[in-house]
C-alpha atoms as a PDB file:
ATOM      1  CA  MET A   1       0.013  -0.011  -0.054  1.00  0.00           C
ATOM      2  CA  SER A   2       1.733   3.475  -1.027  1.00  0.00           C
ATOM      3  CA  ILE A   3       1.504   6.250   1.439  1.00  0.00           C
ATOM      4  CA  VAL A   4      -0.158   9.473   0.047  1.00  0.00           C
ATOM      5  CA  ILE A   5       1.507  13.238   0.958  1.00  0.00           C
ATOM      6  CA  ASN A   6      -0.600  15.252   0.415  1.00  0.00           C
ATOM      7  CA  PRO A   7       0.012  18.929  -0.922  1.00  0.00           C
ATOM      8  CA  PHE A   8      -0.814  22.031   0.715  1.00  0.00           C
ATOM      9  CA  GLY A   9      -1.939  23.561  -1.792  1.00  0.00           C
ATOM     10  CA  TYR A  10      -1.066  27.485  -3.217  1.00  0.00           C
ATOM     11  CA  ALA A  11      -3.878  29.075  -0.987  1.00  0.00           C
ATOM     12  CA  ALA A  12      -2.711  27.611   2.456  1.00  0.00           C
ATOM     13  CA  LEU A  13       1.290  27.956   1.424  1.00  0.00           C
ATOM     14  CA  THR A  14       0.830  31.339   0.373  1.00  0.00           C
ATOM     15  CA  GLU A  15      -0.741  32.443   3.031  1.00  0.00           C
ATOM     16  CA  ALA A  16       1.455  30.635   5.085  1.00  0.00           C
ATOM     17  CA  VAL A  17       4.393  32.163   3.915  1.00  0.00           C
ATOM     18  CA  ASN A  18       3.138  35.946   4.027  1.00  0.00           C
ATOM     19  CA  LYS A  19       2.490  35.568   8.134  1.00  0.00           C
ATOM     20  CA  MET A  20       6.471  33.903   8.370  1.00  0.00           C
ATOM     21  CA  LEU A  21       8.372  36.549  10.285  1.00  0.00           C
ATOM     22  CA  PRO A  22      11.087  37.826   8.385  1.00  0.00           C
ATOM     23  CA  VAL A  23      15.305  37.435   9.422  1.00  0.00           C
ATOM     24  CA  PRO A  24      16.890  41.182  10.872  1.00  0.00           C
ATOM     25  CA  THR A  25      16.078  43.405   8.278  1.00  0.00           C
ATOM     26  CA  PHE A  26      17.208  46.943  10.626  1.00  0.00           C
ATOM     27  CA  ILE A  27      16.960  48.664   6.803  1.00  0.00           C
ATOM     28  CA  ARG A  28      14.079  47.840   5.478  1.00  0.00           C
ATOM     29  CA  ASN A  29      12.076  48.081   8.748  1.00  0.00           C
ATOM     30  CA  LEU A  30      13.451  51.480   9.501  1.00  0.00           C
ATOM     31  CA  LEU A  31      12.887  53.409   6.069  1.00  0.00           C
ATOM     32  CA  PHE A  32      10.132  51.132   4.325  1.00  0.00           C
ATOM     33  CA  LYS A  33       6.993  52.221   5.804  1.00  0.00           C
ATOM     34  CA  LYS A  34       5.096  51.886   2.600  1.00  0.00           C
ATOM     35  CA  VAL A  35       4.625  48.834   0.854  1.00  0.00           C
ATOM     36  CA  VAL A  36       2.866  48.490  -2.615  1.00  0.00           C
ATOM     37  CA  THR A  37       1.779  45.542  -4.255  1.00  0.00           C
ATOM     38  CA  SER A  38       1.123  45.323  -7.874  1.00  0.00           C
ATOM     39  CA  ALA A  39      -0.745  43.131 -10.054  1.00  0.00           C
ATOM     40  CA  THR A  40       1.326  44.369 -12.836  1.00  0.00           C
ATOM     41  CA  LYS A  41       4.885  42.649 -14.093  1.00  0.00           C
ATOM     42  CA  THR A  42       6.522  46.225 -13.988  1.00  0.00           C
ATOM     43  CA  VAL A  43       6.362  48.881 -11.682  1.00  0.00           C
ATOM     44  CA  MET A  44       6.694  52.975 -11.813  1.00  0.00           C
ATOM     45  CA  THR A  45       8.919  54.876  -9.514  1.00  0.00           C
ATOM     46  CA  ASP A  46       9.346  58.114  -9.905  1.00  0.00           C
ATOM     47  CA  VAL A  47      12.437  60.338  -8.561  1.00  0.00           C
ATOM     48  CA  ILE A  48      11.425  63.636  -6.524  1.00  0.00           C
ATOM     49  CA  VAL A  49      13.765  66.653  -8.225  1.00  0.00           C
ATOM     50  CA  GLY A  50      11.913  69.235  -6.876  1.00  0.00           C
ATOM     51  CA  GLY A  51      14.159  72.397  -5.759  1.00  0.00           C
ATOM     52  CA  GLN A  52      13.329  74.676  -2.665  1.00  0.00           C
ATOM     53  CA  LYS A  53      10.757  77.033  -4.893  1.00  0.00           C
ATOM     54  CA  ILE A  54       9.573  80.713  -3.304  1.00  0.00           C
ATOM     55  CA  ALA A  55       6.526  81.884  -4.244  1.00  0.00           C
ATOM     56  CA  PRO A  56       6.257  85.140  -6.758  1.00  0.00           C
ATOM     57  CA  PHE A  57       4.539  87.927  -5.844  1.00  0.00           C
ATOM     58  CA  VAL A  58       2.153  89.947  -8.060  1.00  0.00           C
ATOM     59  CA  ASN A  59       0.576  93.466  -7.884  1.00  0.00           C
ATOM     60  CA  ARG A  60      -3.477  92.953  -6.766  1.00  0.00           C
ATOM     61  CA  GLY A  61      -5.747  92.504 -10.047  1.00  0.00           C
ATOM     62  CA  GLU A  62      -3.038  91.045 -12.125  1.00  0.00           C
ATOM     63  CA  PRO A  63      -3.038  87.317 -13.189  1.00  0.00           C
ATOM     64  CA  ALA A  64      -1.430  84.558 -11.269  1.00  0.00           C
ATOM     65  CA  LYS A  65       1.898  83.678 -12.030  1.00  0.00           C
ATOM     66  CA  VAL A  66       2.671  80.225 -13.850  1.00  0.00           C
ATOM     67  CA  VAL A  67       5.324  78.440 -11.833  1.00  0.00           C
ATOM     68  CA  GLY A  68       6.641  74.800 -13.083  1.00  0.00           C
ATOM     69  CA  ASN A  69       5.464  71.566 -11.965  1.00  0.00           C
ATOM     70  CA  LEU A  70       7.294  69.972  -9.166  1.00  0.00           C
ATOM     71  CA  GLY A  71       9.807  67.973 -10.982  1.00  0.00           C
ATOM     72  CA  SER A  72      10.294  64.071 -11.303  1.00  0.00           C
ATOM     73  CA  GLN A  73      12.094  61.374 -13.427  1.00  0.00           C
ATOM     74  CA  ALA A  74       9.855  58.255 -13.514  1.00  0.00           C
ATOM     75  CA  GLN A  75      11.324  54.777 -14.576  1.00  0.00           C
ATOM     76  CA  THR A  76       9.417  51.331 -15.252  1.00  0.00           C
ATOM     77  CA  VAL A  77      10.974  48.965 -13.376  1.00  0.00           C
ATOM     78  CA  GLU A  78      10.818  45.122 -14.456  1.00  0.00           C
ATOM     79  CA  PRO A  79      12.135  43.879 -10.741  1.00  0.00           C
ATOM     80  CA  PRO A  80      13.724  40.979 -10.356  1.00  0.00           C
ATOM     81  CA  ASN A  81      12.324  37.510 -10.676  1.00  0.00           C
ATOM     82  CA  ILE A  82      12.948  35.750  -7.207  1.00  0.00           C
ATOM     83  CA  ARG A  83      11.403  32.103  -7.405  1.00  0.00           C
ATOM     84  CA  LEU A  84      13.139  29.794  -5.380  1.00  0.00           C
ATOM     85  CA  LYS A  85      12.405  25.342  -4.904  1.00  0.00           C
ATOM     86  CA  LYS A  86      13.200  22.941  -2.563  1.00  0.00           C
ATOM     87  CA  PHE A  87      13.077  19.024  -3.087  1.00  0.00           C
ATOM     88  CA  LEU A  88      12.452  17.208  -0.179  1.00  0.00           C
ATOM     89  CA  LYS A  89      12.818  13.442  -0.869  1.00  0.00           C
ATOM     90  CA  PRO A  90      10.349  10.812   0.512  1.00  0.00           C
ATOM     91  CA  SER A  91      13.575   9.898   3.301  1.00  0.00           C
ATOM     92  CA  ASP A  92      13.518  14.164   4.372  1.00  0.00           C
ATOM     93  CA  LEU A  93       9.425  13.437   5.258  1.00  0.00           C
ATOM     94  CA  PHE A  94       9.003   9.731   6.518  1.00  0.00           C
ATOM     95  CA  TYR A  95      12.195   9.594   8.462  1.00  0.00           C
ATOM     96  CA  ASP A  96      13.253  13.026   9.812  1.00  0.00           C
ATOM     97  CA  ARG A  97      11.110  12.948  13.382  1.00  0.00           C
ATOM     98  CA  GLY A  98      12.146  14.844  16.577  1.00  0.00           C
ATOM     99  CA  PRO A  99      14.069  13.815  19.421  1.00  0.00           C
ATOM    100  CA  GLY A 100      12.840  10.411  21.246  1.00  0.00           C
ATOM    101  CA  ALA A 101       9.783   9.618  18.111  1.00  0.00           C
ATOM    102  CA  PRO A 102      10.008   5.483  17.925  1.00  0.00           C
ATOM    103  CA  ILE A 103      11.246   4.532  14.723  1.00  0.00           C
ATOM    104  CA  PHE A 104       7.799   2.758  13.703  1.00  0.00           C
ATOM    105  CA  VAL A 105       5.012   4.191  14.551  1.00  0.00           C
ATOM    106  CA  PRO A 106       1.733   2.543  14.721  1.00  0.00           C
ATOM    107  CA  GLY A 107      -1.314   3.696  12.156  1.00  0.00           C
ATOM    108  CA  GLY A 108      -3.390   6.568  14.309  1.00  0.00           C
ATOM    109  CA  PRO A 109      -5.281  10.031  14.043  1.00  0.00           C
ATOM    110  CA  ALA A 110      -2.930  12.290  12.169  1.00  0.00           C
ATOM    111  CA  GLY A 111      -3.197  15.011  14.782  1.00  0.00           C
ATOM    112  CA  ALA A 112      -1.417  12.181  17.313  1.00  0.00           C
ATOM    113  CA  ASP A 113       0.850  10.831  14.423  1.00  0.00           C
ATOM    114  CA  PRO A 114       4.141  11.689  15.148  1.00  0.00           C
ATOM    115  CA  ILE A 115       5.605  11.337  11.634  1.00  0.00           C
ATOM    116  CA  ARG A 116       2.750  13.431  10.368  1.00  0.00           C
ATOM    117  CA  GLN A 117       3.742  16.232  13.063  1.00  0.00           C
ATOM    118  CA  ALA A 118       7.499  15.717  11.923  1.00  0.00           C
ATOM    119  CA  GLN A 119       6.291  16.110   8.078  1.00  0.00           C
ATOM    120  CA  LEU A 120       4.272  19.353   8.802  1.00  0.00           C
ATOM    121  CA  LYS A 121       7.747  20.759  10.435  1.00  0.00           C
ATOM    122  CA  LYS A 122      10.046  19.661   8.154  1.00  0.00           C
ATOM    123  CA  ILE A 123       7.832  21.411   5.174  1.00  0.00           C
ATOM    124  CA  ALA A 124       7.542  24.041   7.782  1.00  0.00           C
ATOM    125  CA  ASP A 125      10.928  24.877   8.129  1.00  0.00           C
ATOM    126  CA  GLU A 126      12.231  24.349   5.022  1.00  0.00           C
ATOM    127  CA  GLN A 127       9.272  27.200   3.804  1.00  0.00           C
ATOM    128  CA  LYS A 128      10.321  29.492   6.359  1.00  0.00           C
ATOM    129  CA  ASP A 129      14.382  29.039   5.310  1.00  0.00           C
ATOM    130  CA  LEU A 130      13.207  30.123   1.248  1.00  0.00           C
ATOM    131  CA  ARG A 131      11.699  32.944   2.952  1.00  0.00           C
ATOM    132  CA  ASP A 132      14.451  34.095   4.714  1.00  0.00           C
ATOM    133  CA  ILE A 133      16.653  33.887   1.641  1.00  0.00           C
ATOM    134  CA  ILE A 134      14.282  36.183   0.047  1.00  0.00           C
ATOM    135  CA  ASP A 135      14.174  38.743   2.597  1.00  0.00           C
ATOM    136  CA  ARG A 136      17.662  38.588   3.278  1.00  0.00           C
ATOM    137  CA  SER A 137      17.914  39.599  -0.644  1.00  0.00           C
ATOM    138  CA  ILE A 138      15.311  42.458  -0.101  1.00  0.00           C
ATOM    139  CA  GLU A 139      17.803  44.057   2.722  1.00  0.00           C
ATOM    140  CA  MET A 140      20.614  43.388   0.767  1.00  0.00           C
ATOM    141  CA  MET A 141      19.093  45.518  -1.886  1.00  0.00           C
ATOM    142  CA  CYS A 142      17.753  48.459   0.870  1.00  0.00           C
ATOM    143  CA  ALA A 143      21.359  48.391   1.819  1.00  0.00           C
ATOM    144  CA  LYS A 144      22.898  48.879  -1.857  1.00  0.00           C
ATOM    145  CA  GLY A 145      20.478  51.671  -2.489  1.00  0.00           C
ATOM    146  CA  LEU A 146      21.808  53.672   0.278  1.00  0.00           C
ATOM    147  CA  ALA A 147      24.764  54.337  -2.146  1.00  0.00           C
ATOM    148  CA  GLY A 148      22.282  55.858  -4.463  1.00  0.00           C
ATOM    149  CA  SER A 149      21.717  52.789  -6.776  1.00  0.00           C
ATOM    150  CA  TYR A 150      22.223  48.591  -6.329  1.00  0.00           C
ATOM    151  CA  GLN A 151      22.946  45.934  -9.154  1.00  0.00           C
ATOM    152  CA  ILE A 152      22.070  42.428  -8.827  1.00  0.00           C
ATOM    153  CA  VAL A 153      24.877  40.178 -10.888  1.00  0.00           C
ATOM    154  CA  GLN A 154      24.219  36.210 -11.326  1.00  0.00           C
ATOM    155  CA  ASP A 155      24.668  33.216 -13.531  1.00  0.00           C
ATOM    156  CA  ASN A 156      21.897  34.168 -15.822  1.00  0.00           C
ATOM    157  CA  VAL A 157      20.794  37.611 -14.288  1.00  0.00           C
ATOM    158  CA  ALA A 158      22.104  41.385 -14.655  1.00  0.00           C
ATOM    159  CA  PHE A 159      19.702  43.753 -12.999  1.00  0.00           C
ATOM    160  CA  LYS A 160      20.463  47.513 -12.108  1.00  0.00           C
ATOM    161  CA  ILE A 161      18.376  50.494 -11.263  1.00  0.00           C
ATOM    162  CA  ASP A 162      19.686  53.904 -10.350  1.00  0.00           C
ATOM    163  CA  PHE A 163      17.751  56.333  -8.064  1.00  0.00           C
ATOM    164  CA  GLN A 164      20.178  59.434  -9.814  1.00  0.00           C
ATOM    165  CA  MET A 165      21.889  60.279  -6.211  1.00  0.00           C
ATOM    166  CA  PRO A 166      23.140  63.456  -6.615  1.00  0.00           C
ATOM    167  CA  ALA A 167      27.221  63.498  -6.821  1.00  0.00           C
ATOM    168  CA  ALA A 168      27.813  66.060  -4.208  1.00  0.00           C
ATOM    169  CA  ASN A 169      25.330  63.720  -1.756  1.00  0.00           C
ATOM    170  CA  LYS A 170      28.161  61.091  -2.131  1.00  0.00           C
ATOM    171  CA  PRO A 171      31.233  62.965  -0.374  1.00  0.00           C
ATOM    172  CA  VAL A 172      35.032  61.239  -0.066  1.00  0.00           C
ATOM    173  CA  LEU A 173      36.999  62.351   2.707  1.00  0.00           C
ATOM    174  CA  GLU A 174      40.715  62.512   2.359  1.00  0.00           C
ATOM    175  CA  GLY A 175      44.279  63.232   4.295  1.00  0.00           C
ATOM    176  CA  ASP A 176      43.613  64.180   7.746  1.00  0.00           C
ATOM    177  CA  ALA A 177      39.874  64.675   6.971  1.00  0.00           C
ATOM    178  CA  LYS A 178      39.218  60.770   7.161  1.00  0.00           C
ATOM    179  CA  TRP A 179      37.666  59.587  10.376  1.00  0.00           C
ATOM    180  CA  ASP A 180      40.648  57.154  10.914  1.00  0.00           C
ATOM    181  CA  VAL A 181      42.582  60.430  11.921  1.00  0.00           C
ATOM    182  CA  ALA A 182      41.477  60.664  15.276  1.00  0.00           C
ATOM    183  CA  ALA A 183      43.830  63.996  15.941  1.00  0.00           C
ATOM    184  CA  LYS A 184      42.682  65.684  13.332  1.00  0.00           C
ATOM    185  CA  CYS A 185      39.528  64.410  11.676  1.00  0.00           C
ATOM    186  CA  THR A 186      35.926  66.624  12.565  1.00  0.00           C
ATOM    187  CA  PRO A 187      33.109  64.012  12.156  1.00  0.00           C
ATOM    188  CA  LEU A 188      30.902  65.923  13.963  1.00  0.00           C
ATOM    189  CA  LYS A 189      31.654  68.866  11.549  1.00  0.00           C
ATOM    190  CA  ASN A 190      30.666  66.980   8.809  1.00  0.00           C
ATOM    191  CA  ILE A 191      27.621  65.660   9.811  1.00  0.00           C
ATOM    192  CA  ARG A 192      26.382  69.396  10.428  1.00  0.00           C
ATOM    193  CA  LEU A 193      27.671  70.359   7.167  1.00  0.00           C
ATOM    194  CA  TRP A 194      26.010  67.595   5.324  1.00  0.00           C
ATOM    195  CA  LYS A 195      22.316  67.843   7.386  1.00  0.00           C
ATOM    196  CA  VAL A 196      22.312  71.350   5.897  1.00  0.00           C
ATOM    197  CA  GLN A 197      23.527  70.451   2.508  1.00  0.00           C
ATOM    198  CA  VAL A 198      20.544  68.312   2.530  1.00  0.00           C
ATOM    199  CA  GLN A 199      17.864  70.669   3.936  1.00  0.00           C
ATOM    200  CA  LYS A 200      19.247  73.031   1.046  1.00  0.00           C
ATOM    201  CA  LEU A 201      18.382  70.742  -1.602  1.00  0.00           C
ATOM    202  CA  THR A 202      15.126  69.032  -0.197  1.00  0.00           C
ATOM    203  CA  GLY A 203      13.786  70.828   2.442  1.00  0.00           C
ATOM    204  CA  LYS A 204      14.037  67.761   4.325  1.00  0.00           C
ATOM    205  CA  ILE A 205      17.182  67.293   7.509  1.00  0.00           C
ATOM    206  CA  PRO A 206      18.191  63.811   7.959  1.00  0.00           C
ATOM    207  CA  THR A 207      18.003  62.601  11.504  1.00  0.00           C
ATOM    208  CA  ILE A 208      19.328  59.399  11.077  1.00  0.00           C
ATOM    209  CA  ALA A 209      22.981  57.558  10.723  1.00  0.00           C
ATOM    210  CA  ILE A 210      23.969  54.150  10.051  1.00  0.00           C
ATOM    211  CA  MET A 211      27.419  53.216  10.086  1.00  0.00           C
ATOM    212  CA  SER A 212      29.304  49.677  11.058  1.00  0.00           C
ATOM    213  CA  SER A 213      30.496  48.609  14.312  1.00  0.00           C
ATOM    214  CA  ALA A 214      34.151  49.570  12.901  1.00  0.00           C
ATOM    215  CA  THR A 215      33.538  53.039  12.057  1.00  0.00           C
ATOM    216  CA  TRP A 216      31.737  53.796  15.113  1.00  0.00           C
ATOM    217  CA  GLU A 217      34.405  53.143  16.762  1.00  0.00           C
ATOM    218  CA  ALA A 218      36.418  55.444  14.535  1.00  0.00           C
ATOM    219  CA  PHE A 219      34.007  58.005  15.279  1.00  0.00           C
ATOM    220  CA  ILE A 220      33.344  57.726  18.821  1.00  0.00           C
ATOM    221  CA  ALA A 221      38.102  57.455  19.348  1.00  0.00           C
ATOM    222  CA  ALA A 222      37.836  60.815  17.118  1.00  0.00           C
ATOM    223  CA  ASP A 223      39.356  63.935  19.624  1.00  0.00           C
ATOM    224  CA  GLU A 224      36.815  66.376  18.352  1.00  0.00           C
ATOM    225  CA  VAL A 225      33.601  63.831  19.442  1.00  0.00           C
ATOM    226  CA  THR A 226      35.204  62.843  22.499  1.00  0.00           C
ATOM    227  CA  LYS A 227      35.928  66.333  23.768  1.00  0.00           C
ATOM    228  CA  TYR A 228      32.462  67.198  22.514  1.00  0.00           C
ATOM    229  CA  LEU A 229      31.016  64.256  24.606  1.00  0.00           C
ATOM    230  CA  ASP A 230      33.136  65.559  27.680  1.00  0.00           C
ATOM    231  CA  LYS A 231      31.732  69.214  27.167  1.00  0.00           C
ATOM    232  CA  LEU A 232      28.288  68.426  27.278  1.00  0.00           C
ATOM    233  CA  LYS A 233      28.587  65.458  29.924  1.00  0.00           C
ATOM    234  CA  ILE A 234      26.447  63.482  27.610  1.00  0.00           C
ATOM    235  CA  ASN A 235      26.880  59.711  28.864  1.00  0.00           C
ATOM    236  CA  ILE A 236      26.962  57.116  26.060  1.00  0.00           C
ATOM    237  CA  GLY A 237      26.947  54.053  28.116  1.00  0.00           C
ATOM    238  CA  LEU A 238      23.096  55.409  29.098  1.00  0.00           C
ATOM    239  CA  ILE A 239      21.805  54.854  25.575  1.00  0.00           C
ATOM    240  CA  ALA A 240      19.450  51.721  25.227  1.00  0.00           C
ATOM    241  CA  SER A 241      18.388  50.625  22.343  1.00  0.00           C
ATOM    242  CA  ASP A 242      14.511  49.836  21.816  1.00  0.00           C
ATOM    243  CA  PRO A 243      14.294  45.735  22.039  1.00  0.00           C
ATOM    244  CA  SER A 244      12.352  46.067  18.059  1.00  0.00           C
ATOM    245  CA  VAL A 245      15.709  48.081  16.801  1.00  0.00           C
ATOM    246  CA  LEU A 246      17.821  44.756  18.648  1.00  0.00           C
ATOM    247  CA  ASP A 247      15.661  42.227  17.012  1.00  0.00           C
ATOM    248  CA  ALA A 248      16.412  43.685  13.718  1.00  0.00           C
ATOM    249  CA  GLY A 249      20.240  43.143  14.279  1.00  0.00           C
ATOM    250  CA  ALA A 250      20.970  46.769  14.906  1.00  0.00           C
ATOM    251  CA  GLU A 251      22.385  49.099  17.911  1.00  0.00           C
ATOM    252  CA  LYS A 252      21.343  52.389  18.903  1.00  0.00           C
ATOM    253  CA  LYS A 253      24.679  54.040  20.164  1.00  0.00           C
ATOM    254  CA  ALA A 254      24.005  57.489  20.560  1.00  0.00           C
ATOM    255  CA  THR A 255      21.703  60.836  19.568  1.00  0.00           C
ATOM    256  CA  ILE A 256      24.235  63.436  18.965  1.00  0.00           C
ATOM    257  CA  GLU A 257      23.217  66.992  17.057  1.00  0.00           C
ATOM    258  CA  ASN A 258      19.836  65.178  16.474  1.00  0.00           C
ATOM    259  CA  VAL A 259      21.326  62.506  14.581  1.00  0.00           C
ATOM    260  CA  THR A 260      20.207  58.983  16.396  1.00  0.00           C
ATOM    261  CA  ILE A 261      23.518  57.117  15.453  1.00  0.00           C
ATOM    262  CA  TYR A 262      23.016  53.149  14.668  1.00  0.00           C
ATOM    263  CA  THR A 263      25.507  50.548  14.127  1.00  0.00           C
ATOM    264  CA  TYR A 264      24.454  47.579  11.979  1.00  0.00           C
ATOM    265  CA  ASP A 265      26.693  44.849  11.050  1.00  0.00           C
ATOM    266  CA  GLY A 266      24.322  42.580   9.221  1.00  0.00           C
ATOM    267  CA  VAL A 267      25.959  40.261   6.706  1.00  0.00           C
ATOM    268  CA  TYR A 268      25.150  38.069   3.470  1.00  0.00           C
ATOM    269  CA  VAL A 269      26.645  35.838   1.116  1.00  0.00           C
ATOM    270  CA  ASN A 270      27.510  37.493  -1.978  1.00  0.00           C
ATOM    271  CA  GLU A 271      27.647  35.751  -5.747  1.00  0.00           C
ATOM    272  CA  ALA A 272      30.968  34.934  -5.124  1.00  0.00           C
ATOM    273  CA  GLY A 273      30.514  33.006  -1.991  1.00  0.00           C
ATOM    274  CA  ALA A 274      31.982  35.652   0.390  1.00  0.00           C
ATOM    275  CA  GLN A 275      30.703  37.011   3.257  1.00  0.00           C
ATOM    276  CA  THR A 276      29.936  40.721   2.636  1.00  0.00           C
ATOM    277  CA  GLN A 277      28.231  43.489   5.182  1.00  0.00           C
ATOM    278  CA  MET A 278      25.315  45.138   4.620  1.00  0.00           C
ATOM    279  CA  ILE A 279      26.945  48.562   5.904  1.00  0.00           C
ATOM    280  CA  PRO A 280      30.825  48.141   4.854  1.00  0.00           C
ATOM    281  CA  ASP A 281      33.077  49.544   7.197  1.00  0.00           C
ATOM    282  CA  GLY A 282      34.612  53.352   6.418  1.00  0.00           C
ATOM    283  CA  TYR A 283      30.903  54.160   4.753  1.00  0.00           C
ATOM    284  CA  VAL A 284      28.077  56.177   6.604  1.00  0.00           C
ATOM    285  CA  SER A 285      24.607  56.862   5.671  1.00  0.00           C
ATOM    286  CA  LEU A 286      22.407  59.630   6.437  1.00  0.00           C
ATOM    287  CA  VAL A 287      18.865  59.326   5.816  1.00  0.00           C
ATOM    288  CA  SER A 288      15.620  60.900   6.671  1.00  0.00           C
ATOM    289  CA  PRO A 289      12.630  59.013   7.504  1.00  0.00           C
ATOM    290  CA  ALA A 290      10.113  61.327   6.406  1.00  0.00           C
ATOM    291  CA  ALA A 291      11.848  60.467   2.870  1.00  0.00           C
ATOM    292  CA  ASP A 292       9.656  58.743   0.014  1.00  0.00           C
ATOM    293  CA  ASN A 293      10.840  55.311   0.240  1.00  0.00           C
ATOM    294  CA  ARG A 294       8.818  52.302  -1.103  1.00  0.00           C
ATOM    295  CA  LEU A 295       9.067  48.633  -0.679  1.00  0.00           C
ATOM    296  CA  GLN A 296       7.150  47.751  -4.421  1.00  0.00           C
ATOM    297  CA  PHE A 297       6.187  43.963  -5.080  1.00  0.00           C
ATOM    298  CA  ALA A 298       5.153  43.394  -8.895  1.00  0.00           C
ATOM    299  CA  GLY A 299       2.721  40.849  -9.951  1.00  0.00           C
ATOM    300  CA  ILE A 300       3.323  37.151  -9.449  1.00  0.00           C
ATOM    301  CA  GLU A 301       4.084  35.389 -12.823  1.00  0.00           C
ATOM    302  CA  ASP A 302       2.395  31.415 -11.967  1.00  0.00           C
ATOM    303  CA  LEU A 303      -0.168  30.099 -13.577  1.00  0.00           C
ATOM    304  CA  ASP A 304      -1.415  28.546  -9.791  1.00  0.00           C
ATOM    305  CA  ALA A 305      -1.626  32.167  -8.542  1.00  0.00           C
ATOM    306  CA  GLY A 306      -4.089  33.146 -10.945  1.00  0.00           C
ATOM    307  CA  THR A 307      -5.127  37.209  -9.526  1.00  0.00           C
ATOM    308  CA  THR A 308      -3.448  36.806  -6.576  1.00  0.00           C
ATOM    309  CA  VAL A 309      -1.615  39.864  -5.384  1.00  0.00           C
ATOM    310  CA  GLY A 310       0.800  39.937  -2.644  1.00  0.00           C
ATOM    311  CA  GLN A 311       4.140  40.122  -1.437  1.00  0.00           C
ATOM    312  CA  PHE A 312       5.224  36.108  -1.585  1.00  0.00           C
ATOM    313  CA  PHE A 313       3.674  33.343  -3.242  1.00  0.00           C
ATOM    314  CA  SER A 314       4.209  29.899  -2.494  1.00  0.00           C
ATOM    315  CA  LYS A 315       3.345  26.403  -3.390  1.00  0.00           C
ATOM    316  CA  ASP A 316       3.908  22.528  -3.327  1.00  0.00           C
ATOM    317  CA  TRP A 317       3.744  19.488  -5.645  1.00  0.00           C
ATOM    318  CA  VAL A 318       4.361  15.954  -5.631  1.00  0.00           C
ATOM    319  CA  GLU A 319       7.056  14.627  -7.926  1.00  0.00           C
ATOM    320  CA  LYS A 320       6.655  10.772  -9.247  1.00  0.00           C
ATOM    321  CA  ASP A 321      10.538  10.149 -10.619  1.00  0.00           C
ATOM    322  CA  PRO A 322      12.341  10.932  -8.817  1.00  0.00           C
ATOM    323  CA  SER A 323       9.876  10.642  -5.877  1.00  0.00           C
ATOM    324  CA  GLY A 324       9.603  13.565  -3.625  1.00  0.00           C
ATOM    325  CA  LEU A 325       7.765  16.656  -2.832  1.00  0.00           C
ATOM    326  CA  ASN A 326       8.764  20.083  -4.279  1.00  0.00           C
ATOM    327  CA  LEU A 327       8.108  23.617  -2.495  1.00  0.00           C
ATOM    328  CA  LEU A 328       8.438  26.970  -3.931  1.00  0.00           C
ATOM    329  CA  VAL A 329       8.609  30.441  -2.930  1.00  0.00           C
ATOM    330  CA  GLU A 330       8.297  33.489  -5.223  1.00  0.00           C
ATOM    331  CA  SER A 331       8.637  37.051  -5.001  1.00  0.00           C
ATOM    332  CA  HIS A 332       9.294  40.081  -7.069  1.00  0.00           C
ATOM    333  CA  PRO A 333      10.565  42.711  -4.514  1.00  0.00           C
ATOM    334  CA  LEU A 334      12.010  46.398  -5.595  1.00  0.00           C
ATOM    335  CA  PRO A 335      13.138  48.975  -3.088  1.00  0.00           C
ATOM    336  CA  THR A 336      13.327  52.426  -4.307  1.00  0.00           C
ATOM    337  CA  PHE A 337      14.119  55.471  -3.037  1.00  0.00           C
ATOM    338  CA  ASN A 338      12.242  58.038  -4.531  1.00  0.00           C
ATOM    339  CA  GLU A 339      13.886  60.926  -2.713  1.00  0.00           C
ATOM    340  CA  PRO A 340      17.277  60.286  -2.927  1.00  0.00           C
ATOM    341  CA  GLY A 341      18.198  63.714  -2.546  1.00  0.00           C
ATOM    342  CA  THR A 342      17.898  63.324   1.422  1.00  0.00           C
ATOM    343  CA  MET A 343      20.352  60.846   1.834  1.00  0.00           C
ATOM    344  CA  ILE A 344      24.124  61.044   2.237  1.00  0.00           C
ATOM    345  CA  TYR A 345      26.246  57.925   1.058  1.00  0.00           C
ATOM    346  CA  ALA A 346      29.846  58.891   2.585  1.00  0.00           C
ATOM    347  CA  LYS A 347      33.301  57.281   2.572  1.00  0.00           C
ATOM    348  CA  VAL A 348      35.055  58.431   5.813  1.00  0.00           C
ATOM    349  CA  TYR A 349      38.114  56.637   5.686  1.00  0.00           C
END
C-alpha cells in the first residue's frame, strides 16, 4: 500500500509564507514604511527632483504667475524575479522525526501521528528558509540602495537600478579629514555640513546615521567627538536600544546633534560565496525617515497564482520520479528611494 503525501496547495502555503516573521531587516524596517503590491509585471518609480521654490509676488488685480510643476523623473522597472524551490526526498519526510520519536509508529489519528507532525514541521522549516533567503535579498537591496543605486549580477541575471543621487551627496573624505585620523578629523562638523546640504536641496533634514561597528569605533575615538561629549557631559553608556531595533540586528549608540546613530553589522553571502557586510566599514549613511521610500512588489508570474496579489507566493507539488515533494516560494521585490537627495552616503576612511 502506497503512502500518500497530500500537497498543502498554493492557497494555504501562500497565506503561511506571508505571515512568517522575516530575518533581521533593520534598514527595511527603518526606512520602508510604505509597501506597495501590484498585479503588473513592471512597477513605476518616481524620483522627485523638485527644488526650494518660493512664491512670486504679483500686484493686486494682476493674473496669477505660472510656476513650474514639481519635477520628477519616472522609471518603469521590471523588478528582479526571485523564484526558489526545494526538493524534499521521501527520506526527508518519512524519517526526519523529532528527538525521542520511535522508529516505527503505529497508525493513528493524523493529529497524533509523530511522523505526520514531523512532516509538517519539516515542510514549515524549509518554507521558512526560502522566505529567509528572499528577505535577506531584499535587505541587501535596501542596503545597497543607500548609495543611490544597486545591481544584482548572478549566473544569468544582470539587474541594475539607479536612483540618480546627486554626486555631491556621495562625499569622499581624504587625508586628515578621514575619520581614522583621530587627532585631526572632524566627524561632527562633517555631519553638520551634510545635514545643511540636504536641507538646502530638499527641505528635509536627515536625522539618522547608519554605520558599521568598526566605523563607530573610529567616530567615537575622534578627538573632536570625545571633547564634545565631555563638554556636554553626554554619557553614551546610558543609551539603550529599543528591543525592536535589537531584534532587527542593529544597536542605537547615541543621539548627537539631533542625529540618532545606529550600528548595523548585518551580512549576506555574495555571488562569489564571500560573506559581505550590508554596511561596509568606512562608510556612513545619513537618511531622513520622512523621505518617500517604497518597497514595491510586482505581480506573481505563476499560473497557479491566478489573480493573487501579494509580497510572496508559495506552492508545493508531488514529483513521481524521482519521488518527492517540491516546495516553491516566489517574490518580485523592488526597494525604491524616490527622494535620493535626502540621503548622504559618505566614505569616511
